[in-house]
Amino acid sequence: MWILQSAEPEDGSFTFRLPPGAVKTIGRAPRADFIVDAALVSRLHCRLTAGEAQVEVVDLSSTNGTFVNDERVETATLKSGDRLRVGRVELTVEKANDDQRGER
């Protein structure tokens, strides 16, 4: 399980969970899988594809770009500890341990 979590309270708090094999979009539009209604986020901003060892991010021709560790990307591979930025929202990428997937 992959967890993408924001840390900035002024941008709202976001936590997204991606099991391996999941393909999800991030954007402002209601049709996005993960809705981020924040400044500079496009209607359909990027697509995430989760694997066992990594997550692939693909920019969907967003107006303001998709950034990984402060570098603008069209496509990138995310690993635990990376920072994904869409608009002004920065999400930290973490691979959850089996212990973290238990009951909560």
PDB file of N, CA and C in Angstrom:
ATOM      1  N   MET A   1       0.854  -1.178   0.000  1.00  0.00           N
ATOM      2  CA  MET A   1       0.000   0.000   0.000  1.00  0.00           C
ATOM      3  C   MET A   1       0.897   1.237   0.000  1.00  0.00           C
ATOM      4  N   TRP A   2       0.574   2.188  -0.845  1.00  0.00           N
ATOM      5  CA  TRP A   2       1.275   3.471  -0.907  1.00  0.00           C
ATOM      6  C   TRP A   2       0.396   4.535  -0.271  1.00  0.00           C
ATOM      7  N   ILE A   3       1.010   5.449   0.470  1.00  0.00           N
ATOM      8  CA  ILE A   3       0.287   6.546   1.109  1.00  0.00           C
ATOM      9  C   ILE A   3       0.910   7.855   0.642  1.00  0.00           C
ATOM     10  N   LEU A   4       0.068   8.747   0.130  1.00  0.00           N
ATOM     11  CA  LEU A   4       0.487  10.087  -0.250  1.00  0.00           C
ATOM     12  C   LEU A   4      -0.209  11.035   0.696  1.00  0.00           C
ATOM     13  N   GLN A   5       0.585  11.845   1.415  1.00  0.00           N
ATOM     14  CA  GLN A   5       0.008  12.676   2.462  1.00  0.00           C
ATOM     15  C   GLN A   5       0.591  14.083   2.411  1.00  0.00           C
ATOM     16  N   SER A   6      -0.293  15.074   2.553  1.00  0.00           N
ATOM     17  CA  SER A   6       0.156  16.462   2.610  1.00  0.00           C
ATOM     18  C   SER A   6       0.464  16.832   4.052  1.00  0.00           C
ATOM     19  N   ALA A   7       1.296  17.863   4.202  1.00  0.00           N
ATOM     20  CA  ALA A   7       1.688  18.290   5.548  1.00  0.00           C
ATOM     21  C   ALA A   7       1.298  19.730   5.828  1.00  0.00           C
ATOM     22  N   GLU A   8       0.855  20.451   4.814  1.00  0.00           N
ATOM     23  CA  GLU A   8       0.564  21.882   4.977  1.00  0.00           C
ATOM     24  C   GLU A   8      -0.895  22.112   5.320  1.00  0.00           C
ATOM     25  N   PRO A   9      -1.198  22.521   6.558  1.00  0.00           N
ATOM     26  CA  PRO A   9      -2.597  22.710   6.954  1.00  0.00           C
ATOM     27  C   PRO A   9      -3.304  23.825   6.188  1.00  0.00           C
ATOM     28  N   GLU A  10      -2.562  24.853   5.722  1.00  0.00           N
ATOM     29  CA  GLU A  10      -3.232  25.947   5.005  1.00  0.00           C
ATOM     30  C   GLU A  10      -3.745  25.513   3.640  1.00  0.00           C
ATOM     31  N   ASP A  11      -3.207  24.434   3.083  1.00  0.00           N
ATOM     32  CA  ASP A  11      -3.680  23.917   1.802  1.00  0.00           C
ATOM     33  C   ASP A  11      -4.712  22.816   1.988  1.00  0.00           C
ATOM     34  N   GLY A  12      -5.117  22.579   3.221  1.00  0.00           N
ATOM     35  CA  GLY A  12      -6.000  21.455   3.504  1.00  0.00           C
ATOM     36  C   GLY A  12      -5.136  20.236   3.754  1.00  0.00           C
ATOM     37  N   SER A  13      -5.717  19.239   4.337  1.00  0.00           N
ATOM     38  CA  SER A  13      -4.970  18.023   4.622  1.00  0.00           C
ATOM     39  C   SER A  13      -5.479  16.922   3.710  1.00  0.00           C
ATOM     40  N   PHE A  14      -4.559  16.288   2.994  1.00  0.00           N
ATOM     41  CA  PHE A  14      -4.928  15.234   2.061  1.00  0.00           C
ATOM     42  C   PHE A  14      -4.160  13.969   2.401  1.00  0.00           C
ATOM     43  N   THR A  15      -4.838  12.843   2.372  1.00  0.00           N
ATOM     44  CA  THR A  15      -4.205  11.538   2.493  1.00  0.00           C
ATOM     45  C   THR A  15      -4.843  10.616   1.459  1.00  0.00           C
ATOM     46  N   PHE A  16      -4.004  10.093   0.564  1.00  0.00           N
ATOM     47  CA  PHE A  16      -4.489   9.193  -0.481  1.00  0.00           C
ATOM     48  C   PHE A  16      -3.801   7.846  -0.314  1.00  0.00           C
ATOM     49  N   ARG A  17      -4.567   6.772  -0.467  1.00  0.00           N
ATOM     50  CA  ARG A  17      -4.021   5.422  -0.361  1.00  0.00           C
ATOM     51  C   ARG A  17      -4.131   4.722  -1.719  1.00  0.00           C
ATOM     52  N   LEU A  18      -3.025   4.106  -2.114  1.00  0.00           N
ATOM     53  CA  LEU A  18      -2.961   3.407  -3.403  1.00  0.00           C
ATOM     54  C   LEU A  18      -2.481   1.976  -3.192  1.00  0.00           C
ATOM     55  N   PRO A  19      -3.355   1.001  -3.360  1.00  0.00           N
ATOM     56  CA  PRO A  19      -2.884  -0.388  -3.308  1.00  0.00           C
ATOM     57  C   PRO A  19      -2.154  -0.726  -4.612  1.00  0.00           C
ATOM     58  N   PRO A  20      -1.232  -1.668  -4.592  1.00  0.00           N
ATOM     59  CA  PRO A  20      -0.566  -2.065  -5.831  1.00  0.00           C
ATOM     60  C   PRO A  20      -1.601  -2.449  -6.894  1.00  0.00           C
ATOM     61  N   GLY A  21      -1.360  -1.972  -8.113  1.00  0.00           N
ATOM     62  CA  GLY A  21      -2.275  -2.242  -9.222  1.00  0.00           C
ATOM     63  C   GLY A  21      -3.287  -1.126  -9.454  1.00  0.00           C
ATOM     64  N   ALA A  22      -3.392  -0.191  -8.515  1.00  0.00           N
ATOM     65  CA  ALA A  22      -4.357   0.908  -8.653  1.00  0.00           C
ATOM     66  C   ALA A  22      -3.869   1.935  -9.679  1.00  0.00           C
ATOM     67  N   VAL A  23      -4.809   2.477 -10.441  1.00  0.00           N
ATOM     68  CA  VAL A  23      -4.549   3.575 -11.368  1.00  0.00           C
ATOM     69  C   VAL A  23      -5.547   4.667 -11.009  1.00  0.00           C
ATOM     70  N   LYS A  24      -5.044   5.826 -10.558  1.00  0.00           N
ATOM     71  CA  LYS A  24      -5.908   6.899 -10.069  1.00  0.00           C
ATOM     72  C   LYS A  24      -5.463   8.238 -10.636  1.00  0.00           C
ATOM     73  N   THR A  25      -6.422   9.161 -10.786  1.00  0.00           N
ATOM     74  CA  THR A  25      -6.107  10.513 -11.225  1.00  0.00           C
ATOM     75  C   THR A  25      -6.246  11.483 -10.061  1.00  0.00           C
ATOM     76  N   ILE A  26      -5.471  12.563 -10.132  1.00  0.00           N
ATOM     77  CA  ILE A  26      -5.564  13.671  -9.181  1.00  0.00           C
ATOM     78  C   ILE A  26      -5.987  14.897  -9.964  1.00  0.00           C
ATOM     79  N   GLY A  27      -6.960  15.659  -9.429  1.00  0.00           N
ATOM     80  CA  GLY A  27      -7.383  16.890 -10.082  1.00  0.00           C
ATOM     81  C   GLY A  27      -8.507  17.571  -9.332  1.00  0.00           C
ATOM     82  N   ARG A  28      -8.944  18.718  -9.865  1.00  0.00           N
ATOM     83  CA  ARG A  28     -10.042  19.491  -9.264  1.00  0.00           C
ATOM     84  C   ARG A  28     -11.410  18.978  -9.673  1.00  0.00           C
ATOM     85  N   ALA A  29     -11.508  18.305 -10.815  1.00  0.00           N
ATOM     86  CA  ALA A  29     -12.802  17.904 -11.372  1.00  0.00           C
ATOM     87  C   ALA A  29     -13.449  16.792 -10.554  1.00  0.00           C
ATOM     88  N   PRO A  30     -14.778  16.781 -10.510  1.00  0.00           N
ATOM     89  CA  PRO A  30     -15.483  15.704  -9.812  1.00  0.00           C
ATOM     90  C   PRO A  30     -15.155  14.316 -10.370  1.00  0.00           C
ATOM     91  N   ARG A  31     -14.741  14.241 -11.629  1.00  0.00           N
ATOM     92  CA  ARG A  31     -14.425  12.933 -12.224  1.00  0.00           C
ATOM     93  C   ARG A  31     -13.029  12.432 -11.842  1.00  0.00           C
ATOM     94  N   ALA A  32     -12.207  13.265 -11.184  1.00  0.00           N
ATOM     95  CA  ALA A  32     -10.894  12.812 -10.708  1.00  0.00           C
ATOM     96  C   ALA A  32     -11.098  11.816  -9.565  1.00  0.00           C
ATOM     97  N   ASP A  33     -10.224  10.835  -9.474  1.00  0.00           N
ATOM     98  CA  ASP A  33     -10.328   9.851  -8.388  1.00  0.00           C
ATOM     99  C   ASP A  33      -9.992  10.487  -7.041  1.00  0.00           C
ATOM    100  N   PHE A  34      -8.948  11.313  -7.022  1.00  0.00           N
ATOM    101  CA  PHE A  34      -8.545  12.050  -5.820  1.00  0.00           C
ATOM    102  C   PHE A  34      -8.747  13.522  -6.113  1.00  0.00           C
ATOM    103  N   ILE A  35      -9.750  14.136  -5.474  1.00  0.00           N
ATOM    104  CA  ILE A  35     -10.091  15.528  -5.747  1.00  0.00           C
ATOM    105  C   ILE A  35      -9.273  16.443  -4.844  1.00  0.00           C
ATOM    106  N   VAL A  36      -8.533  17.352  -5.491  1.00  0.00           N
ATOM    107  CA  VAL A  36      -7.731  18.348  -4.787  1.00  0.00           C
ATOM    108  C   VAL A  36      -8.193  19.708  -5.292  1.00  0.00           C
ATOM    109  N   ASP A  37      -9.076  20.334  -4.532  1.00  0.00           N
ATOM    110  CA  ASP A  37      -9.618  21.640  -4.914  1.00  0.00           C
ATOM    111  C   ASP A  37      -8.721  22.710  -4.310  1.00  0.00           C
ATOM    112  N   ALA A  38      -7.595  22.969  -4.988  1.00  0.00           N
ATOM    113  CA  ALA A  38      -6.603  23.912  -4.479  1.00  0.00           C
ATOM    114  C   ALA A  38      -6.049  24.734  -5.639  1.00  0.00           C
ATOM    115  N   ALA A  39      -5.389  25.837  -5.293  1.00  0.00           N
ATOM    116  CA  ALA A  39      -4.828  26.741  -6.289  1.00  0.00           C
ATOM    117  C   ALA A  39      -3.859  26.016  -7.216  1.00  0.00           C
ATOM    118  N   LEU A  40      -3.956  26.334  -8.494  1.00  0.00           N
ATOM    119  CA  LEU A  40      -3.045  25.872  -9.538  1.00  0.00           C
ATOM    120  C   LEU A  40      -3.158  24.386  -9.883  1.00  0.00           C
ATOM    121  N   VAL A  41      -4.200  23.713  -9.393  1.00  0.00           N
ATOM    122  CA  VAL A  41      -4.427  22.302  -9.738  1.00  0.00           C
ATOM    123  C   VAL A  41      -5.381  22.258 -10.933  1.00  0.00           C
ATOM    124  N   SER A  42      -4.994  21.526 -11.978  1.00  0.00           N
ATOM    125  CA  SER A  42      -5.836  21.393 -13.169  1.00  0.00           C
ATOM    126  C   SER A  42      -7.000  20.444 -12.902  1.00  0.00           C
ATOM    127  N   ARG A  43      -8.004  20.478 -13.791  1.00  0.00           N
ATOM    128  CA  ARG A  43      -9.173  19.614 -13.618  1.00  0.00           C
ATOM    129  C   ARG A  43      -8.755  18.148 -13.537  1.00  0.00           C
ATOM    130  N   LEU A  44      -7.951  17.685 -14.474  1.00  0.00           N
ATOM    131  CA  LEU A  44      -7.311  16.372 -14.385  1.00  0.00           C
ATOM    132  C   LEU A  44      -5.816  16.643 -14.488  1.00  0.00           C
ATOM    133  N   HIS A  45      -5.139  16.613 -13.376  1.00  0.00           N
ATOM    134  CA  HIS A  45      -3.761  17.092 -13.283  1.00  0.00           C
ATOM    135  C   HIS A  45      -2.736  16.006 -13.633  1.00  0.00           C
ATOM    136  N   CYS A  46      -2.846  14.846 -12.961  1.00  0.00           N
ATOM    137  CA  CYS A  46      -1.902  13.760 -13.223  1.00  0.00           C
ATOM    138  C   CYS A  46      -2.536  12.416 -12.923  1.00  0.00           C
ATOM    139  N   ARG A  47      -1.851  11.349 -13.390  1.00  0.00           N
ATOM    140  CA  ARG A  47      -2.314   9.981 -13.166  1.00  0.00           C
ATOM    141  C   ARG A  47      -1.236   9.219 -12.401  1.00  0.00           C
ATOM    142  N   LEU A  48      -1.669   8.457 -11.409  1.00  0.00           N
ATOM    143  CA  LEU A  48      -0.772   7.633 -10.606  1.00  0.00           C
ATOM    144  C   LEU A  48      -1.057   6.162 -10.886  1.00  0.00           C
ATOM    145  N   THR A  49       0.003   5.383 -11.092  1.00  0.00           N
ATOM    146  CA  THR A  49      -0.118   3.940 -11.273  1.00  0.00           C
ATOM    147  C   THR A  49       0.768   3.292 -10.222  1.00  0.00           C
ATOM    148  N   ALA A  50       0.157   2.555  -9.298  1.00  0.00           N
ATOM    149  CA  ALA A  50       0.895   1.965  -8.178  1.00  0.00           C
ATOM    150  C   ALA A  50       1.354   0.552  -8.513  1.00  0.00           C
ATOM    151  N   GLY A  51       2.615   0.300  -8.211  1.00  0.00           N
ATOM    152  CA  GLY A  51       3.165  -1.051  -8.312  1.00  0.00           C
ATOM    153  C   GLY A  51       3.604  -1.506  -6.933  1.00  0.00           C
ATOM    154  N   GLU A  52       4.198  -2.668  -6.859  1.00  0.00           N
ATOM    155  CA  GLU A  52       4.685  -3.163  -5.568  1.00  0.00           C
ATOM    156  C   GLU A  52       5.851  -2.326  -5.057  1.00  0.00           C
ATOM    157  N   ALA A  53       6.782  -1.954  -5.954  1.00  0.00           N
ATOM    158  CA  ALA A  53       8.023  -1.303  -5.535  1.00  0.00           C
ATOM    159  C   ALA A  53       8.071   0.192  -5.827  1.00  0.00           C
ATOM    160  N   GLN A  54       7.118   0.714  -6.599  1.00  0.00           N
ATOM    161  CA  GLN A  54       7.161   2.124  -6.981  1.00  0.00           C
ATOM    162  C   GLN A  54       5.795   2.582  -7.467  1.00  0.00           C
ATOM    163  N   VAL A  55       5.685   3.898  -7.645  1.00  0.00           N
ATOM    164  CA  VAL A  55       4.477   4.508  -8.201  1.00  0.00           C
ATOM    165  C   VAL A  55       4.912   5.351  -9.396  1.00  0.00           C
ATOM    166  N   GLU A  56       4.221   5.189 -10.513  1.00  0.00           N
ATOM    167  CA  GLU A  56       4.505   6.012 -11.681  1.00  0.00           C
ATOM    168  C   GLU A  56       3.525   7.175 -11.703  1.00  0.00           C
ATOM    169  N   VAL A  57       4.037   8.376 -11.968  1.00  0.00           N
ATOM    170  CA  VAL A  57       3.187   9.550 -12.124  1.00  0.00           C
ATOM    171  C   VAL A  57       3.347  10.064 -13.551  1.00  0.00           C
ATOM    172  N   VAL A  58       2.219  10.405 -14.180  1.00  0.00           N
ATOM    173  CA  VAL A  58       2.202  10.958 -15.532  1.00  0.00           C
ATOM    174  C   VAL A  58       1.407  12.250 -15.489  1.00  0.00           C
ATOM    175  N   ASP A  59       2.031  13.351 -15.927  1.00  0.00           N
ATOM    176  CA  ASP A  59       1.336  14.626 -16.015  1.00  0.00           C
ATOM    177  C   ASP A  59       0.322  14.543 -17.155  1.00  0.00           C
ATOM    178  N   LEU A  60      -0.893  15.026 -16.923  1.00  0.00           N
ATOM    179  CA  LEU A  60      -1.958  14.962 -17.930  1.00  0.00           C
ATOM    180  C   LEU A  60      -2.135  16.317 -18.605  1.00  0.00           C
ATOM    181  N   SER A  61      -1.024  16.881 -19.091  1.00  0.00           N
ATOM    182  CA  SER A  61      -1.007  18.195 -19.762  1.00  0.00           C
ATOM    183  C   SER A  61      -1.563  19.275 -18.851  1.00  0.00           C
ATOM    184  N   SER A  62      -1.208  19.215 -17.564  1.00  0.00           N
ATOM    185  CA  SER A  62      -1.675  20.221 -16.612  1.00  0.00           C
ATOM    186  C   SER A  62      -1.074  21.582 -16.957  1.00  0.00           C
ATOM    187  N   THR A  63      -1.798  22.627 -16.628  1.00  0.00           N
ATOM    188  CA  THR A  63      -1.350  23.986 -16.930  1.00  0.00           C
ATOM    189  C   THR A  63      -0.095  24.345 -16.141  1.00  0.00           C
ATOM    190  N   ASN A  64      -0.047  23.997 -14.869  1.00  0.00           N
ATOM    191  CA  ASN A  64       1.049  24.438 -13.999  1.00  0.00           C
ATOM    192  C   ASN A  64       2.068  23.353 -13.695  1.00  0.00           C
ATOM    193  N   GLY A  65       1.917  22.189 -14.282  1.00  0.00           N
ATOM    194  CA  GLY A  65       2.925  21.143 -14.170  1.00  0.00           C
ATOM    195  C   GLY A  65       2.808  20.263 -12.943  1.00  0.00           C
ATOM    196  N   THR A  66       3.493  19.138 -13.037  1.00  0.00           N
ATOM    197  CA  THR A  66       3.608  18.157 -11.961  1.00  0.00           C
ATOM    198  C   THR A  66       5.087  18.107 -11.594  1.00  0.00           C
ATOM    199  N   PHE A  67       5.377  18.138 -10.295  1.00  0.00           N
ATOM    200  CA  PHE A  67       6.756  18.209  -9.831  1.00  0.00           C
ATOM    201  C   PHE A  67       7.064  17.053  -8.887  1.00  0.00           C
ATOM    202  N   VAL A  68       8.241  16.463  -9.058  1.00  0.00           N
ATOM    203  CA  VAL A  68       8.743  15.430  -8.152  1.00  0.00           C
ATOM    204  C   VAL A  68      10.058  15.946  -7.590  1.00  0.00           C
ATOM    205  N   ASN A  69      10.112  16.093  -6.273  1.00  0.00           N
ATOM    206  CA  ASN A  69      11.306  16.612  -5.600  1.00  0.00           C
ATOM    207  C   ASN A  69      11.761  17.927  -6.232  1.00  0.00           C
ATOM    208  N   ASP A  70      10.796  18.808  -6.491  1.00  0.00           N
ATOM    209  CA  ASP A  70      11.004  20.155  -7.033  1.00  0.00           C
ATOM    210  C   ASP A  70      11.453  20.196  -8.492  1.00  0.00           C
ATOM    211  N   GLU A  71      11.358  19.085  -9.216  1.00  0.00           N
ATOM    212  CA  GLU A  71      11.707  19.058 -10.631  1.00  0.00           C
ATOM    213  C   GLU A  71      10.455  18.763 -11.446  1.00  0.00           C
ATOM    214  N   ARG A  72      10.181  19.628 -12.444  1.00  0.00           N
ATOM    215  CA  ARG A  72       8.996  19.421 -13.279  1.00  0.00           C
ATOM    216  C   ARG A  72       9.182  18.167 -14.127  1.00  0.00           C
ATOM    217  N   VAL A  73       8.134  17.328 -14.171  1.00  0.00           N
ATOM    218  CA  VAL A  73       8.218  16.055 -14.893  1.00  0.00           C
ATOM    219  C   VAL A  73       6.998  15.861 -15.785  1.00  0.00           C
ATOM    220  N   GLU A  74       7.199  15.104 -16.846  1.00  0.00           N
ATOM    221  CA  GLU A  74       6.086  14.624 -17.663  1.00  0.00           C
ATOM    222  C   GLU A  74       5.687  13.235 -17.163  1.00  0.00           C
ATOM    223  N   THR A  75       6.713  12.424 -16.880  1.00  0.00           N
ATOM    224  CA  THR A  75       6.552  11.085 -16.330  1.00  0.00           C
ATOM    225  C   THR A  75       7.692  10.863 -15.351  1.00  0.00           C
ATOM    226  N   ALA A  76       7.387  10.233 -14.222  1.00  0.00           N
ATOM    227  CA  ALA A  76       8.441   9.953 -13.242  1.00  0.00           C
ATOM    228  C   ALA A  76       8.066   8.731 -12.420  1.00  0.00           C
ATOM    229  N   THR A  77       9.068   8.136 -11.819  1.00  0.00           N
ATOM    230  CA  THR A  77       8.876   7.013 -10.916  1.00  0.00           C
ATOM    231  C   THR A  77       9.069   7.523  -9.496  1.00  0.00           C
ATOM    232  N   LEU A  78       8.064   7.304  -8.649  1.00  0.00           N
ATOM    233  CA  LEU A  78       8.113   7.737  -7.257  1.00  0.00           C
ATOM    234  C   LEU A  78       8.492   6.572  -6.370  1.00  0.00           C
ATOM    235  N   LYS A  79       9.282   6.884  -5.363  1.00  0.00           N
ATOM    236  CA  LYS A  79       9.616   5.877  -4.358  1.00  0.00           C
ATOM    237  C   LYS A  79       9.400   6.499  -2.987  1.00  0.00           C
ATOM    238  N   SER A  80       9.453   5.690  -1.980  1.00  0.00           N
ATOM    239  CA  SER A  80       9.217   6.155  -0.615  1.00  0.00           C
ATOM    240  C   SER A  80      10.154   7.310  -0.278  1.00  0.00           C
ATOM    241  N   GLY A  81       9.574   8.382   0.276  1.00  0.00           N
ATOM    242  CA  GLY A  81      10.337   9.566   0.649  1.00  0.00           C
ATOM    243  C   GLY A  81      10.292  10.686  -0.374  1.00  0.00           C
ATOM    244  N   ASP A  82       9.839  10.401  -1.602  1.00  0.00           N
ATOM    245  CA  ASP A  82       9.745  11.435  -2.627  1.00  0.00           C
ATOM    246  C   ASP A  82       8.621  12.412  -2.306  1.00  0.00           C
ATOM    247  N   ARG A  83       8.714  13.607  -2.885  1.00  0.00           N
ATOM    248  CA  ARG A  83       7.684  14.638  -2.738  1.00  0.00           C
ATOM    249  C   ARG A  83       7.047  14.897  -4.098  1.00  0.00           C
ATOM    250  N   LEU A  84       5.724  14.772  -4.168  1.00  0.00           N
ATOM    251  CA  LEU A  84       4.952  15.030  -5.381  1.00  0.00           C
ATOM    252  C   LEU A  84       4.188  16.322  -5.173  1.00  0.00           C
ATOM    253  N   ARG A  85       4.359  17.288  -6.112  1.00  0.00           N
ATOM    254  CA  ARG A  85       3.649  18.562  -5.979  1.00  0.00           C
ATOM    255  C   ARG A  85       2.734  18.760  -7.178  1.00  0.00           C
ATOM    256  N   VAL A  86       1.451  19.004  -6.876  1.00  0.00           N
ATOM    257  CA  VAL A  86       0.441  19.380  -7.865  1.00  0.00           C
ATOM    258  C   VAL A  86      -0.118  20.716  -7.409  1.00  0.00           C
ATOM    259  N   GLY A  87      -0.022  21.716  -8.271  1.00  0.00           N
ATOM    260  CA  GLY A  87      -0.405  23.054  -7.833  1.00  0.00           C
ATOM    261  C   GLY A  87       0.458  23.457  -6.651  1.00  0.00           C
ATOM    262  N   ARG A  88      -0.179  23.943  -5.601  1.00  0.00           N
ATOM    263  CA  ARG A  88       0.566  24.324  -4.392  1.00  0.00           C
ATOM    264  C   ARG A  88       0.535  23.252  -3.318  1.00  0.00           C
ATOM    265  N   VAL A  89      -0.024  22.093  -3.645  1.00  0.00           N
ATOM    266  CA  VAL A  89      -0.135  21.002  -2.671  1.00  0.00           C
ATOM    267  C   VAL A  89       1.036  20.042  -2.860  1.00  0.00           C
ATOM    268  N   GLU A  90       1.782  19.828  -1.773  1.00  0.00           N
ATOM    269  CA  GLU A  90       2.893  18.881  -1.809  1.00  0.00           C
ATOM    270  C   GLU A  90       2.524  17.648  -1.000  1.00  0.00           C
ATOM    271  N   LEU A  91       2.694  16.496  -1.627  1.00  0.00           N
ATOM    272  CA  LEU A  91       2.368  15.219  -0.998  1.00  0.00           C
ATOM    273  C   LEU A  91       3.653  14.417  -0.812  1.00  0.00           C
ATOM    274  N   THR A  92       3.828  13.871   0.370  1.00  0.00           N
ATOM    275  CA  THR A  92       4.958  12.990   0.632  1.00  0.00           C
ATOM    276  C   THR A  92       4.525  11.555   0.332  1.00  0.00           C
ATOM    277  N   VAL A  93       5.378  10.831  -0.368  1.00  0.00           N
ATOM    278  CA  VAL A  93       5.082   9.461  -0.792  1.00  0.00           C
ATOM    279  C   VAL A  93       5.732   8.497   0.193  1.00  0.00           C
ATOM    280  N   GLU A  94       4.934   7.568   0.717  1.00  0.00           N
ATOM    281  CA  GLU A  94       5.469   6.566   1.642  1.00  0.00           C
ATOM    282  C   GLU A  94       4.910   5.192   1.299  1.00  0.00           C
ATOM    283  N   LYS A  95       5.753   4.196   1.412  1.00  0.00           N
ATOM    284  CA  LYS A  95       5.319   2.796   1.260  1.00  0.00           C
ATOM    285  C   LYS A  95       4.936   2.318   2.653  1.00  0.00           C
ATOM    286  N   ALA A  96       3.685   1.921   2.827  1.00  0.00           N
ATOM    287  CA  ALA A  96       3.202   1.478   4.137  1.00  0.00           C
ATOM    288  C   ALA A  96       3.727   0.082   4.432  1.00  0.00           C
ATOM    289  N   ASN A  97       4.144  -0.118   5.662  1.00  0.00           N
ATOM    290  CA  ASN A  97       4.516  -1.458   6.118  1.00  0.00           C
ATOM    291  C   ASN A  97       3.250  -2.268   6.307  1.00  0.00           C
ATOM    292  N   ASP A  98       3.380  -3.571   6.349  1.00  0.00           N
ATOM    293  CA  ASP A  98       2.212  -4.422   6.589  1.00  0.00           C
ATOM    294  C   ASP A  98       1.583  -4.060   7.938  1.00  0.00           C
ATOM    295  N   ASP A  99       2.399  -3.632   8.930  1.00  0.00           N
ATOM    296  CA  ASP A  99       1.881  -3.241  10.238  1.00  0.00           C
ATOM    297  C   ASP A  99       0.939  -2.043  10.125  1.00  0.00           C
ATOM    298  N   GLN A 100       1.241  -1.095   9.211  1.00  0.00           N
ATOM    299  CA  GLN A 100       0.442   0.113   9.066  1.00  0.00           C
ATOM    300  C   GLN A 100      -0.884  -0.150   8.369  1.00  0.00           C
ATOM    301  N   ARG A 101      -0.998  -1.288   7.697  1.00  0.00           N
ATOM    302  CA  ARG A 101      -2.227  -1.584   6.960  1.00  0.00           C
ATOM    303  C   ARG A 101      -3.263  -2.265   7.828  1.00  0.00           C
ATOM    304  N   GLY A 102      -2.902  -2.536   9.040  1.00  0.00           N
ATOM    305  CA  GLY A 102      -3.824  -3.238   9.945  1.00  0.00           C
ATOM    306  C   GLY A 102      -5.009  -2.385  10.338  1.00  0.00           C
ATOM    307  N   GLU A 103      -5.683  -2.780  11.402  1.00  0.00           N
ATOM    308  CA  GLU A 103      -6.887  -2.084  11.841  1.00  0.00           C
ATOM    309  C   GLU A 103      -6.566  -0.698  12.351  1.00  0.00           C
ATOM    310  N   ARG A 104      -7.452   0.248  12.008  1.00  0.00           N
ATOM    311  CA  ARG A 104      -7.316   1.635  12.460  1.00  0.00           C
ATOM    312  C   ARG A 104      -8.673   2.175  12.754  1.00  0.00           C
TER     313      ARG A 104
END
